[in-house]
Protein backbone atom coordinates (compact mmCIF):
# COMPACT_ATOMS: atom_id res chain seq x y z
CA MET A 1 -5.34 6.28 29.90
CA SER A 2 -8.81 7.42 29.12
CA ASN A 3 -8.43 10.90 28.29
CA GLY A 4 -8.51 9.84 25.06
CA VAL A 5 -3.83 9.75 23.92
CA SER A 6 -4.74 6.43 24.76
CA VAL A 7 -5.78 3.70 21.52
CA GLY A 8 -5.90 0.44 21.28
CA VAL A 9 -4.54 -1.38 18.00
CA SER A 10 -7.87 -2.34 17.16
CA GLU A 11 -8.67 1.23 17.68
CA ARG A 12 -5.46 2.92 15.18
CA THR A 13 -6.00 -0.25 13.10
CA ALA A 14 -9.98 0.64 12.00
CA GLU A 15 -8.80 4.14 12.50
CA LEU A 16 -6.05 3.25 9.46
CA ASN A 17 -7.91 1.06 7.20
CA PHE A 18 -10.69 4.30 7.76
CA LEU A 19 -8.03 7.33 6.79
CA LEU A 20 -7.43 4.04 3.32
CA GLU A 21 -10.87 4.09 2.28
CA MET A 22 -11.19 7.66 2.80
CA ALA A 23 -8.21 8.79 0.41
CA PRO A 24 -8.63 10.74 -2.80
CA VAL A 25 -5.82 9.08 -3.49
CA GLY A 26 -4.91 5.85 -5.06
CA ILE A 27 -3.16 4.02 -2.42
CA LEU A 28 -1.03 0.95 -2.25
CA LEU A 29 0.88 -1.62 0.69
CA THR A 30 3.23 -3.76 -0.37
CA ARG A 31 4.84 -6.16 0.86
CA GLU A 32 7.57 -8.72 -0.12
CA ARG A 33 7.42 -6.99 -4.34
CA HIS A 34 2.90 -8.51 -3.34
CA VAL A 35 0.14 -5.84 -2.39
CA VAL A 36 -1.30 -7.37 0.58
CA GLN A 37 -3.88 -3.65 0.74
CA ALA A 38 -5.03 -2.26 -2.08
CA ASN A 39 -8.08 1.55 -1.51
CA ALA A 40 -10.86 1.38 -3.54
CA MET A 41 -9.02 4.48 -5.50
CA ALA A 42 -5.86 2.56 -6.38
CA ALA A 43 -8.64 -0.85 -7.89
CA GLU A 44 -10.69 2.58 -9.87
CA ILE A 45 -7.07 3.88 -11.23
CA LEU A 46 -5.50 1.25 -12.12
CA ARG A 47 -9.32 -0.82 -13.65
CA THR A 48 -9.59 -3.68 -11.59
CA THR A 49 -10.49 -4.67 -7.99
CA VAL A 50 -9.35 -4.80 -4.92
CA ALA A 51 -10.09 -7.38 -4.66
CA GLU A 52 -8.22 -8.44 -7.55
CA LEU A 53 -4.45 -6.36 -7.23
CA VAL A 54 -4.31 -7.79 -3.38
CA GLY A 55 -2.00 -10.90 -3.35
CA LYS A 56 -0.58 -9.37 -6.45
CA SER A 57 3.51 -9.14 -7.71
CA ALA A 58 3.27 -5.62 -7.65
CA GLY A 59 5.46 -6.13 -10.60
CA THR A 60 2.31 -7.11 -12.46
CA LEU A 61 1.55 -3.54 -11.54
CA TRP A 62 4.56 -1.87 -14.89
CA PRO A 63 4.25 -1.24 -18.02
CA SER A 64 7.38 -3.70 -18.59
CA GLU A 65 9.43 -5.64 -15.56
CA GLN A 66 12.67 -3.04 -16.99
CA ALA A 67 10.79 -0.59 -15.88
CA TYR A 68 10.15 -2.38 -12.60
CA LEU A 69 13.52 -4.14 -11.95
CA ASP A 70 15.01 -0.35 -13.05
CA LEU A 71 12.26 1.84 -10.62
CA GLY A 72 13.50 -0.73 -7.93
CA ARG A 73 17.18 0.02 -8.20
CA ALA A 74 16.37 3.96 -7.86
CA VAL A 75 14.88 4.74 -4.81
CA ALA A 76 16.34 0.95 -2.75
CA PRO A 77 18.54 2.90 -0.49
CA ALA A 78 15.68 4.92 0.12
CA LEU A 79 13.72 2.15 1.58
CA VAL A 80 16.81 0.28 3.82
CA VAL A 81 15.97 0.67 7.89
CA ARG A 82 18.99 2.60 9.12
CA THR A 83 19.82 1.56 12.75
């Protein structure tokens, strides 16, 4: 389709990456408790680099292991995918 409605995966990925980088807030994307993507603002807030964040355990970003586990227990029910 050439009406501008249908967008290919690569175009959509580029758009989402652009939005991630231009966001005025820090954003971390995690998968299985590890950072898989971060924007420059998140790196600035955490006083590190994007390269250092990617691959890092999300738990290391919290003040303590207990705080991380407590948050996980609190939000886990909301993260369950319902079919």
